[in-house]
Full PDB file with SEQRES, HELIX, SHEET, SSBOND, CRYST1, ORIGX, SCALE, CONECT and MASTER records, all heavy atoms in Angstrom:
SEQRES   1 A   33  GLY GLY ASN CYS LEU ILE GLY PRO GLN HIS CYS GLN VAL          
SEQRES   2 A   33  LYS ARG ARG LYS LEU GLU ILE ARG LEU ASN ARG SER SER          
SEQRES   3 A   33  PHE ASP PRO GLU GLU PHE ALA                                  
HELIX    1 AA1 PRO A    8  CYS A   11  1                                   4    
HELIX    2 AA2 PRO A   29  PHE A   32  1                                   4    
SSBOND   1 CYS A    4    CYS A   11                          1555   1555  1.79  
CRYST1    1.000    1.000    1.000  90.00  90.00  90.00 P 1           1          
ORIGX1      1.000000  0.000000  0.000000        0.00000                         
ORIGX2      0.000000  1.000000  0.000000        0.00000                         
ORIGX3      0.000000  0.000000  1.000000        0.00000                         
SCALE1      1.000000  0.000000  0.000000        0.00000                         
SCALE2      0.000000  1.000000  0.000000        0.00000                         
SCALE3      0.000000  0.000000  1.000000        0.00000                         
ATOM      1  N   GLY A   1      14.341  -1.142 -25.559  1.00  0.00           N  
ATOM      2  CA  GLY A   1      15.644  -1.726 -25.496  1.00  0.00           C  
ATOM      3  C   GLY A   1      16.297  -1.971 -26.878  1.00  0.00           C  
ATOM      4  O   GLY A   1      17.440  -2.431 -26.993  1.00  0.00           O  
ATOM      5  N   GLY A   2      15.582  -1.551 -27.933  1.00  0.00           N  
ATOM      6  CA  GLY A   2      16.213  -1.676 -29.280  1.00  0.00           C  
ATOM      7  C   GLY A   2      17.005  -0.488 -29.621  1.00  0.00           C  
ATOM      8  O   GLY A   2      16.948   0.602 -29.107  1.00  0.00           O  
ATOM      9  N   ASN A   3      17.913  -0.607 -30.601  1.00  0.00           N  
ATOM     10  CA  ASN A   3      18.750   0.482 -31.086  1.00  0.00           C  
ATOM     11  C   ASN A   3      17.901   1.427 -31.896  1.00  0.00           C  
ATOM     12  O   ASN A   3      16.911   1.025 -32.514  1.00  0.00           O  
ATOM     13  CB  ASN A   3      19.975  -0.060 -31.964  1.00  0.00           C  
ATOM     14  CG  ASN A   3      20.963  -0.798 -31.043  1.00  0.00           C  
ATOM     15  OD1 ASN A   3      21.166  -0.373 -29.958  1.00  0.00           O  
ATOM     16  ND2 ASN A   3      21.558  -1.782 -31.596  1.00  0.00           N  
ATOM     17  N   CYS A   4      18.385   2.645 -31.976  1.00  0.00           N  
ATOM     18  CA  CYS A   4      17.716   3.653 -32.885  1.00  0.00           C  
ATOM     19  C   CYS A   4      18.153   3.278 -34.337  1.00  0.00           C  
ATOM     20  O   CYS A   4      19.288   3.495 -34.588  1.00  0.00           O  
ATOM     21  CB  CYS A   4      18.139   5.025 -32.501  1.00  0.00           C  
ATOM     22  SG  CYS A   4      17.302   6.309 -33.404  1.00  0.00           S  
ATOM     23  N   LEU A   5      17.227   2.910 -35.147  1.00  0.00           N  
ATOM     24  CA  LEU A   5      17.612   2.308 -36.436  1.00  0.00           C  
ATOM     25  C   LEU A   5      17.347   3.123 -37.619  1.00  0.00           C  
ATOM     26  O   LEU A   5      17.581   2.721 -38.795  1.00  0.00           O  
ATOM     27  CB  LEU A   5      16.980   0.932 -36.579  1.00  0.00           C  
ATOM     28  CG  LEU A   5      17.184  -0.084 -35.471  1.00  0.00           C  
ATOM     29  CD1 LEU A   5      16.293  -1.274 -35.622  1.00  0.00           C  
ATOM     30  CD2 LEU A   5      18.665  -0.443 -35.380  1.00  0.00           C  
ATOM     31  N   ILE A   6      16.708   4.307 -37.472  1.00  0.00           N  
ATOM     32  CA  ILE A   6      16.330   5.056 -38.660  1.00  0.00           C  
ATOM     33  C   ILE A   6      17.324   6.117 -39.061  1.00  0.00           C  
ATOM     34  O   ILE A   6      17.708   6.224 -40.254  1.00  0.00           O  
ATOM     35  CB  ILE A   6      14.935   5.807 -38.466  1.00  0.00           C  
ATOM     36  CG1 ILE A   6      13.908   4.631 -38.602  1.00  0.00           C  
ATOM     37  CG2 ILE A   6      14.691   6.827 -39.425  1.00  0.00           C  
ATOM     38  CD1 ILE A   6      12.484   5.194 -38.573  1.00  0.00           C  
ATOM     39  N   GLY A   7      17.844   6.792 -38.106  1.00  0.00           N  
ATOM     40  CA  GLY A   7      18.835   7.842 -38.398  1.00  0.00           C  
ATOM     41  C   GLY A   7      18.716   9.013 -37.482  1.00  0.00           C  
ATOM     42  O   GLY A   7      17.721   9.135 -36.712  1.00  0.00           O  
ATOM     43  N   PRO A   8      19.669   9.976 -37.446  1.00  0.00           N  
ATOM     44  CA  PRO A   8      19.685  10.993 -36.504  1.00  0.00           C  
ATOM     45  C   PRO A   8      18.530  11.944 -36.601  1.00  0.00           C  
ATOM     46  O   PRO A   8      18.080  12.395 -35.532  1.00  0.00           O  
ATOM     47  CB  PRO A   8      20.995  11.719 -36.786  1.00  0.00           C  
ATOM     48  CG  PRO A   8      21.295  11.364 -38.203  1.00  0.00           C  
ATOM     49  CD  PRO A   8      20.788  10.022 -38.449  1.00  0.00           C  
ATOM     50  N   GLN A   9      17.955  12.211 -37.723  1.00  0.00           N  
ATOM     51  CA  GLN A   9      16.884  13.143 -37.856  1.00  0.00           C  
ATOM     52  C   GLN A   9      15.662  12.595 -37.101  1.00  0.00           C  
ATOM     53  O   GLN A   9      14.850  13.401 -36.620  1.00  0.00           O  
ATOM     54  CB  GLN A   9      16.519  13.401 -39.306  1.00  0.00           C  
ATOM     55  CG  GLN A   9      15.915  12.204 -40.068  1.00  0.00           C  
ATOM     56  CD  GLN A   9      17.004  11.368 -40.724  1.00  0.00           C  
ATOM     57  OE1 GLN A   9      18.138  11.375 -40.228  1.00  0.00           O  
ATOM     58  NE2 GLN A   9      16.623  10.679 -41.797  1.00  0.00           N  
ATOM     59  N   HIS A  10      15.489  11.233 -36.930  1.00  0.00           N  
ATOM     60  CA  HIS A  10      14.389  10.737 -36.240  1.00  0.00           C  
ATOM     61  C   HIS A  10      14.724  10.565 -34.770  1.00  0.00           C  
ATOM     62  O   HIS A  10      13.884  10.711 -33.853  1.00  0.00           O  
ATOM     63  CB  HIS A  10      13.919   9.432 -36.828  1.00  0.00           C  
ATOM     64  CG  HIS A  10      13.421   9.564 -38.252  1.00  0.00           C  
ATOM     65  ND1 HIS A  10      12.272  10.301 -38.614  1.00  0.00           N  
ATOM     66  CD2 HIS A  10      13.933   9.067 -39.397  1.00  0.00           C  
ATOM     67  CE1 HIS A  10      12.141  10.283 -39.871  1.00  0.00           C  
ATOM     68  NE2 HIS A  10      13.109   9.490 -40.392  1.00  0.00           N  
ATOM     69  N   CYS A  11      15.970  10.178 -34.467  1.00  0.00           N  
ATOM     70  CA  CYS A  11      16.368   9.987 -33.109  1.00  0.00           C  
ATOM     71  C   CYS A  11      16.306  11.285 -32.288  1.00  0.00           C  
ATOM     72  O   CYS A  11      16.052  11.178 -31.063  1.00  0.00           O  
ATOM     73  CB  CYS A  11      17.785   9.427 -33.082  1.00  0.00           C  
ATOM     74  SG  CYS A  11      18.076   7.868 -33.812  1.00  0.00           S  
ATOM     75  N   GLN A  12      16.431  12.444 -32.935  1.00  0.00           N  
ATOM     76  CA  GLN A  12      16.457  13.687 -32.206  1.00  0.00           C  
ATOM     77  C   GLN A  12      15.028  14.146 -31.900  1.00  0.00           C  
ATOM     78  O   GLN A  12      14.868  15.116 -31.149  1.00  0.00           O  
ATOM     79  CB  GLN A  12      17.225  14.705 -32.967  1.00  0.00           C  
ATOM     80  CG  GLN A  12      18.652  14.381 -33.131  1.00  0.00           C  
ATOM     81  CD  GLN A  12      19.355  15.310 -34.093  1.00  0.00           C  
ATOM     82  OE1 GLN A  12      18.690  16.183 -34.753  1.00  0.00           O  
ATOM     83  NE2 GLN A  12      20.656  15.079 -34.359  1.00  0.00           N  
ATOM     84  N   VAL A  13      14.005  13.508 -32.446  1.00  0.00           N  
ATOM     85  CA  VAL A  13      12.617  13.967 -32.210  1.00  0.00           C  
ATOM     86  C   VAL A  13      12.194  13.381 -30.868  1.00  0.00           C  
ATOM     87  O   VAL A  13      12.230  12.221 -30.655  1.00  0.00           O  
ATOM     88  CB  VAL A  13      11.677  13.476 -33.371  1.00  0.00           C  
ATOM     89  CG1 VAL A  13      10.246  13.934 -33.009  1.00  0.00           C  
ATOM     90  CG2 VAL A  13      12.160  14.173 -34.678  1.00  0.00           C  
ATOM     91  N   LYS A  14      11.657  14.287 -30.055  1.00  0.00           N  
ATOM     92  CA  LYS A  14      11.186  13.865 -28.701  1.00  0.00           C  
ATOM     93  C   LYS A  14       9.823  13.216 -28.863  1.00  0.00           C  
ATOM     94  O   LYS A  14       8.936  13.701 -29.475  1.00  0.00           O  
ATOM     95  CB  LYS A  14      11.063  15.108 -27.824  1.00  0.00           C  
ATOM     96  CG  LYS A  14      10.580  14.813 -26.394  1.00  0.00           C  
ATOM     97  CD  LYS A  14      10.494  16.048 -25.608  1.00  0.00           C  
ATOM     98  CE  LYS A  14      10.018  15.667 -24.159  1.00  0.00           C  
ATOM     99  NZ  LYS A  14       8.724  15.155 -24.113  1.00  0.00           N  
ATOM    100  N   ARG A  15       9.694  12.012 -28.272  1.00  0.00           N  
ATOM    101  CA  ARG A  15       8.459  11.290 -28.261  1.00  0.00           C  
ATOM    102  C   ARG A  15       7.410  12.091 -27.387  1.00  0.00           C  
ATOM    103  O   ARG A  15       7.804  12.739 -26.420  1.00  0.00           O  
ATOM    104  CB  ARG A  15       8.629   9.932 -27.718  1.00  0.00           C  
ATOM    105  CG  ARG A  15       9.386   8.946 -28.572  1.00  0.00           C  
ATOM    106  CD  ARG A  15       9.530   7.626 -27.893  1.00  0.00           C  
ATOM    107  NE  ARG A  15       8.295   6.978 -27.565  1.00  0.00           N  
ATOM    108  CZ  ARG A  15       7.590   6.200 -28.361  1.00  0.00           C  
ATOM    109  NH1 ARG A  15       7.990   5.928 -29.562  1.00  0.00           N  
ATOM    110  NH2 ARG A  15       6.467   5.679 -27.975  1.00  0.00           N  
ATOM    111  N   ARG A  16       6.191  12.093 -27.867  1.00  0.00           N  
ATOM    112  CA  ARG A  16       5.204  12.726 -27.091  1.00  0.00           C  
ATOM    113  C   ARG A  16       4.332  11.755 -26.238  1.00  0.00           C  
ATOM    114  O   ARG A  16       4.249  10.561 -26.582  1.00  0.00           O  
ATOM    115  CB  ARG A  16       4.233  13.473 -28.093  1.00  0.00           C  
ATOM    116  CG  ARG A  16       4.983  14.422 -29.036  1.00  0.00           C  
ATOM    117  CD  ARG A  16       4.092  15.146 -29.953  1.00  0.00           C  
ATOM    118  NE  ARG A  16       4.794  16.026 -30.804  1.00  0.00           N  
ATOM    119  CZ  ARG A  16       5.213  15.722 -32.097  1.00  0.00           C  
ATOM    120  NH1 ARG A  16       4.917  14.577 -32.574  1.00  0.00           N  
ATOM    121  NH2 ARG A  16       5.890  16.679 -32.800  1.00  0.00           N  
ATOM    122  N   LYS A  17       3.731  12.251 -25.232  1.00  0.00           N  
ATOM    123  CA  LYS A  17       3.022  11.418 -24.306  1.00  0.00           C  
ATOM    124  C   LYS A  17       1.532  11.757 -24.366  1.00  0.00           C  
ATOM    125  O   LYS A  17       1.094  12.861 -24.211  1.00  0.00           O  
ATOM    126  CB  LYS A  17       3.514  11.645 -22.850  1.00  0.00           C  
ATOM    127  CG  LYS A  17       2.781  10.799 -21.785  1.00  0.00           C  
ATOM    128  CD  LYS A  17       3.239  11.118 -20.435  1.00  0.00           C  
ATOM    129  CE  LYS A  17       2.404  10.338 -19.406  1.00  0.00           C  
ATOM    130  NZ  LYS A  17       2.871  10.633 -17.974  1.00  0.00           N  
ATOM    131  N   LEU A  18       0.744  10.721 -24.617  1.00  0.00           N  
ATOM    132  CA  LEU A  18      -0.751  10.881 -24.609  1.00  0.00           C  
ATOM    133  C   LEU A  18      -1.281  10.298 -23.292  1.00  0.00           C  
ATOM    134  O   LEU A  18      -1.007   9.223 -22.932  1.00  0.00           O  
ATOM    135  CB  LEU A  18      -1.401  10.079 -25.835  1.00  0.00           C  
ATOM    136  CG  LEU A  18      -2.909   9.996 -25.772  1.00  0.00           C  
ATOM    137  CD1 LEU A  18      -3.531  11.383 -25.964  1.00  0.00           C  
ATOM    138  CD2 LEU A  18      -3.435   9.036 -26.877  1.00  0.00           C  
ATOM    139  N   GLU A  19      -2.120  11.134 -22.669  1.00  0.00           N  
ATOM    140  CA  GLU A  19      -2.744  10.764 -21.410  1.00  0.00           C  
ATOM    141  C   GLU A  19      -4.238  10.966 -21.554  1.00  0.00           C  
ATOM    142  O   GLU A  19      -4.718  11.940 -21.987  1.00  0.00           O  
ATOM    143  CB  GLU A  19      -2.203  11.626 -20.233  1.00  0.00           C  
ATOM    144  CG  GLU A  19      -2.701  11.227 -18.893  1.00  0.00           C  
ATOM    145  CD  GLU A  19      -2.190  12.037 -17.778  1.00  0.00           C  
ATOM    146  OE1 GLU A  19      -1.357  12.999 -18.071  1.00  0.00           O  
ATOM    147  OE2 GLU A  19      -2.509  11.819 -16.610  1.00  0.00           O  
ATOM    148  N   ILE A  20      -4.942   9.906 -21.065  1.00  0.00           N  
ATOM    149  CA  ILE A  20      -6.394   9.937 -21.163  1.00  0.00           C  
ATOM    150  C   ILE A  20      -6.917   9.815 -19.741  1.00  0.00           C  
ATOM    151  O   ILE A  20      -6.694   8.847 -19.025  1.00  0.00           O  
ATOM    152  CB  ILE A  20      -7.008   8.788 -22.052  1.00  0.00           C  
ATOM    153  CG1 ILE A  20      -6.439   8.811 -23.417  1.00  0.00           C  
ATOM    154  CG2 ILE A  20      -8.515   8.846 -22.078  1.00  0.00           C  
ATOM    155  CD1 ILE A  20      -6.869   7.730 -24.375  1.00  0.00           C  
ATOM    156  N   ARG A  21      -7.655  10.849 -19.310  1.00  0.00           N  
ATOM    157  CA  ARG A  21      -8.240  10.882 -17.934  1.00  0.00           C  
ATOM    158  C   ARG A  21      -9.759  10.816 -17.973  1.00  0.00           C  
ATOM    159  O   ARG A  21     -10.385  11.499 -18.794  1.00  0.00           O  
ATOM    160  CB  ARG A  21      -7.828  12.191 -17.302  1.00  0.00           C  
ATOM    161  CG  ARG A  21      -6.293  12.325 -17.077  1.00  0.00           C  
ATOM    162  CD  ARG A  21      -6.020  13.712 -16.469  1.00  0.00           C  
ATOM    163  NE  ARG A  21      -4.589  14.018 -16.417  1.00  0.00           N  
ATOM    164  CZ  ARG A  21      -4.072  15.210 -16.150  1.00  0.00           C  
ATOM    165  NH1 ARG A  21      -4.918  16.232 -15.893  1.00  0.00           N  
ATOM    166  NH2 ARG A  21      -2.777  15.377 -16.094  1.00  0.00           N  
ATOM    167  N   LEU A  22     -10.308  10.129 -17.100  1.00  0.00           N  
ATOM    168  CA  LEU A  22     -11.725   9.972 -16.941  1.00  0.00           C  
ATOM    169  C   LEU A  22     -12.197  10.641 -15.627  1.00  0.00           C  
ATOM    170  O   LEU A  22     -11.860  10.164 -14.521  1.00  0.00           O  
ATOM    171  CB  LEU A  22     -12.194   8.476 -16.997  1.00  0.00           C  
ATOM    172  CG  LEU A  22     -13.699   8.217 -17.061  1.00  0.00           C  
ATOM    173  CD1 LEU A  22     -14.267   8.750 -18.361  1.00  0.00           C  
ATOM    174  CD2 LEU A  22     -13.973   6.747 -16.943  1.00  0.00           C  
ATOM    175  N   ASN A  23     -12.969  11.722 -15.734  1.00  0.00           N  
ATOM    176  CA  ASN A  23     -13.316  12.503 -14.586  1.00  0.00           C  
ATOM    177  C   ASN A  23     -14.881  12.552 -14.510  1.00  0.00           C  
ATOM    178  O   ASN A  23     -15.582  12.589 -15.577  1.00  0.00           O  
ATOM    179  CB  ASN A  23     -12.821  13.955 -14.641  1.00  0.00           C  
ATOM    180  CG  ASN A  23     -11.264  13.997 -14.736  1.00  0.00           C  
ATOM    181  OD1 ASN A  23     -10.652  13.165 -14.078  1.00  0.00           O  
ATOM    182  ND2 ASN A  23     -10.810  14.880 -15.455  1.00  0.00           N  
ATOM    183  N   ARG A  24     -15.407  12.601 -13.271  1.00  0.00           N  
ATOM    184  CA  ARG A  24     -16.809  12.879 -13.119  1.00  0.00           C  
ATOM    185  C   ARG A  24     -17.222  14.219 -13.727  1.00  0.00           C  
ATOM    186  O   ARG A  24     -16.425  15.153 -13.720  1.00  0.00           O  
ATOM    187  CB  ARG A  24     -17.197  12.869 -11.645  1.00  0.00           C  
ATOM    188  CG  ARG A  24     -16.974  11.530 -10.892  1.00  0.00           C  
ATOM    189  CD  ARG A  24     -18.226  10.676 -10.928  1.00  0.00           C  
ATOM    190  NE  ARG A  24     -19.339  11.397 -10.235  1.00  0.00           N  
ATOM    191  CZ  ARG A  24     -19.495  11.453  -8.942  1.00  0.00           C  
ATOM    192  NH1 ARG A  24     -18.632  10.853  -8.100  1.00  0.00           N  
ATOM    193  NH2 ARG A  24     -20.565  12.077  -8.427  1.00  0.00           N  
ATOM    194  N   SER A  25     -18.476  14.279 -14.286  1.00  0.00           N  
ATOM    195  CA  SER A  25     -18.869  15.512 -14.954  1.00  0.00           C  
ATOM    196  C   SER A  25     -18.902  16.671 -13.891  1.00  0.00           C  
ATOM    197  O   SER A  25     -19.517  16.601 -12.910  1.00  0.00           O  
ATOM    198  CB  SER A  25     -20.285  15.314 -15.478  1.00  0.00           C  
ATOM    199  OG  SER A  25     -20.740  16.413 -16.212  1.00  0.00           O  
ATOM    200  N   SER A  26     -18.107  17.718 -14.272  1.00  0.00           N  
ATOM    201  CA  SER A  26     -18.046  18.952 -13.488  1.00  0.00           C  
ATOM    202  C   SER A  26     -17.499  20.083 -14.314  1.00  0.00           C  
ATOM    203  O   SER A  26     -16.941  19.880 -15.380  1.00  0.00           O  
ATOM    204  CB  SER A  26     -17.200  18.736 -12.214  1.00  0.00           C  
ATOM    205  OG  SER A  26     -15.886  18.528 -12.570  1.00  0.00           O  
ATOM    206  N   PHE A  27     -17.748  21.311 -13.863  1.00  0.00           N  
ATOM    207  CA  PHE A  27     -17.223  22.410 -14.714  1.00  0.00           C  
ATOM    208  C   PHE A  27     -15.752  22.567 -14.522  1.00  0.00           C  
ATOM    209  O   PHE A  27     -15.153  22.546 -13.420  1.00  0.00           O  
ATOM    210  CB  PHE A  27     -17.945  23.699 -14.254  1.00  0.00           C  
ATOM    211  CG  PHE A  27     -17.495  24.917 -14.965  1.00  0.00           C  
ATOM    212  CD1 PHE A  27     -17.901  25.164 -16.382  1.00  0.00           C  
ATOM    213  CD2 PHE A  27     -16.563  25.784 -14.529  1.00  0.00           C  
ATOM    214  CE1 PHE A  27     -17.473  26.217 -17.063  1.00  0.00           C  
ATOM    215  CE2 PHE A  27     -16.072  26.915 -15.248  1.00  0.00           C  
ATOM    216  CZ  PHE A  27     -16.551  27.136 -16.531  1.00  0.00           C  
ATOM    217  N   ASP A  28     -14.988  22.710 -15.646  1.00  0.00           N  
ATOM    218  CA  ASP A  28     -13.595  22.932 -15.588  1.00  0.00           C  
ATOM    219  C   ASP A  28     -13.383  24.122 -16.571  1.00  0.00           C  
ATOM    220  O   ASP A  28     -13.608  23.983 -17.769  1.00  0.00           O  
ATOM    221  CB  ASP A  28     -12.904  21.636 -16.152  1.00  0.00           C  
ATOM    222  CG  ASP A  28     -11.429  21.728 -16.143  1.00  0.00           C  
ATOM    223  OD1 ASP A  28     -10.843  22.851 -16.377  1.00  0.00           O  
ATOM    224  OD2 ASP A  28     -10.730  20.706 -16.000  1.00  0.00           O  
ATOM    225  N   PRO A  29     -12.694  25.173 -15.990  1.00  0.00           N  
ATOM    226  CA  PRO A  29     -12.457  26.333 -16.863  1.00  0.00           C  
ATOM    227  C   PRO A  29     -11.646  26.080 -18.143  1.00  0.00           C  
ATOM    228  O   PRO A  29     -11.872  26.656 -19.172  1.00  0.00           O  
ATOM    229  CB  PRO A  29     -11.753  27.296 -15.941  1.00  0.00           C  
ATOM    230  CG  PRO A  29     -12.080  26.888 -14.582  1.00  0.00           C  
ATOM    231  CD  PRO A  29     -12.335  25.472 -14.654  1.00  0.00           C  
ATOM    232  N   GLU A  30     -10.617  25.168 -17.970  1.00  0.00           N  
ATOM    233  CA  GLU A  30      -9.788  24.833 -19.157  1.00  0.00           C  
ATOM    234  C   GLU A  30     -10.658  24.120 -20.263  1.00  0.00           C  
ATOM    235  O   GLU A  30     -10.495  24.319 -21.397  1.00  0.00           O  
ATOM    236  CB  GLU A  30      -8.688  23.921 -18.708  1.00  0.00           C  
ATOM    237  CG  GLU A  30      -7.607  23.678 -19.790  1.00  0.00           C  
ATOM    238  CD  GLU A  30      -6.528  22.808 -19.356  1.00  0.00           C  
ATOM    239  OE1 GLU A  30      -6.526  22.237 -18.247  1.00  0.00           O  
ATOM    240  OE2 GLU A  30      -5.549  22.597 -20.147  1.00  0.00           O  
ATOM    241  N   GLU A  31     -11.555  23.204 -19.789  1.00  0.00           N  
ATOM    242  CA  GLU A  31     -12.450  22.508 -20.737  1.00  0.00           C  
ATOM    243  C   GLU A  31     -13.357  23.533 -21.372  1.00  0.00           C  
ATOM    244  O   GLU A  31     -13.553  23.483 -22.629  1.00  0.00           O  
ATOM    245  CB  GLU A  31     -13.287  21.472 -20.008  1.00  0.00           C  
ATOM    246  CG  GLU A  31     -12.495  20.283 -19.588  1.00  0.00           C  
ATOM    247  CD  GLU A  31     -13.384  19.146 -19.023  1.00  0.00           C  
ATOM    248  OE1 GLU A  31     -14.600  19.424 -18.963  1.00  0.00           O  
ATOM    249  OE2 GLU A  31     -12.880  18.144 -18.557  1.00  0.00           O  
ATOM    250  N   PHE A  32     -13.917  24.475 -20.703  1.00  0.00           N  
ATOM    251  CA  PHE A  32     -14.785  25.413 -21.309  1.00  0.00           C  
ATOM    252  C   PHE A  32     -14.021  26.343 -22.331  1.00  0.00           C  
ATOM    253  O   PHE A  32     -14.619  26.625 -23.395  1.00  0.00           O  
ATOM    254  CB  PHE A  32     -15.386  26.373 -20.193  1.00  0.00           C  
ATOM    255  CG  PHE A  32     -16.226  27.462 -20.769  1.00  0.00           C  
ATOM    256  CD1 PHE A  32     -17.369  27.211 -21.566  1.00  0.00           C  
ATOM    257  CD2 PHE A  32     -15.791  28.763 -20.598  1.00  0.00           C  
ATOM    258  CE1 PHE A  32     -18.084  28.298 -22.090  1.00  0.00           C  
ATOM    259  CE2 PHE A  32     -16.506  29.840 -21.138  1.00  0.00           C  
ATOM    260  CZ  PHE A  32     -17.621  29.617 -21.947  1.00  0.00           C  
ATOM    261  N   ALA A  33     -12.825  26.712 -22.004  1.00  0.00           N  
ATOM    262  CA  ALA A  33     -12.054  27.477 -22.938  1.00  0.00           C  
ATOM    263  C   ALA A  33     -11.833  26.718 -24.237  1.00  0.00           C  
ATOM    264  O   ALA A  33     -11.927  27.306 -25.346  1.00  0.00           O  
ATOM    265  CB  ALA A  33     -10.683  27.884 -22.308  1.00  0.00           C  
TER     266      ALA A  33                                                      
CONECT   22   74                                                                
CONECT   74   22                                                                
MASTER        0    0    0    2    0    0    0    6  265    1    2    3          
END                                                                             
């Protein structure tokens, strides 16, 4: 709810999303790669 207070060069940068998932141990091709 706050205003963008730094300047346009920072306001234009897209925030990134970190997601942490906890899965039971199993084979995942993406993990192996």
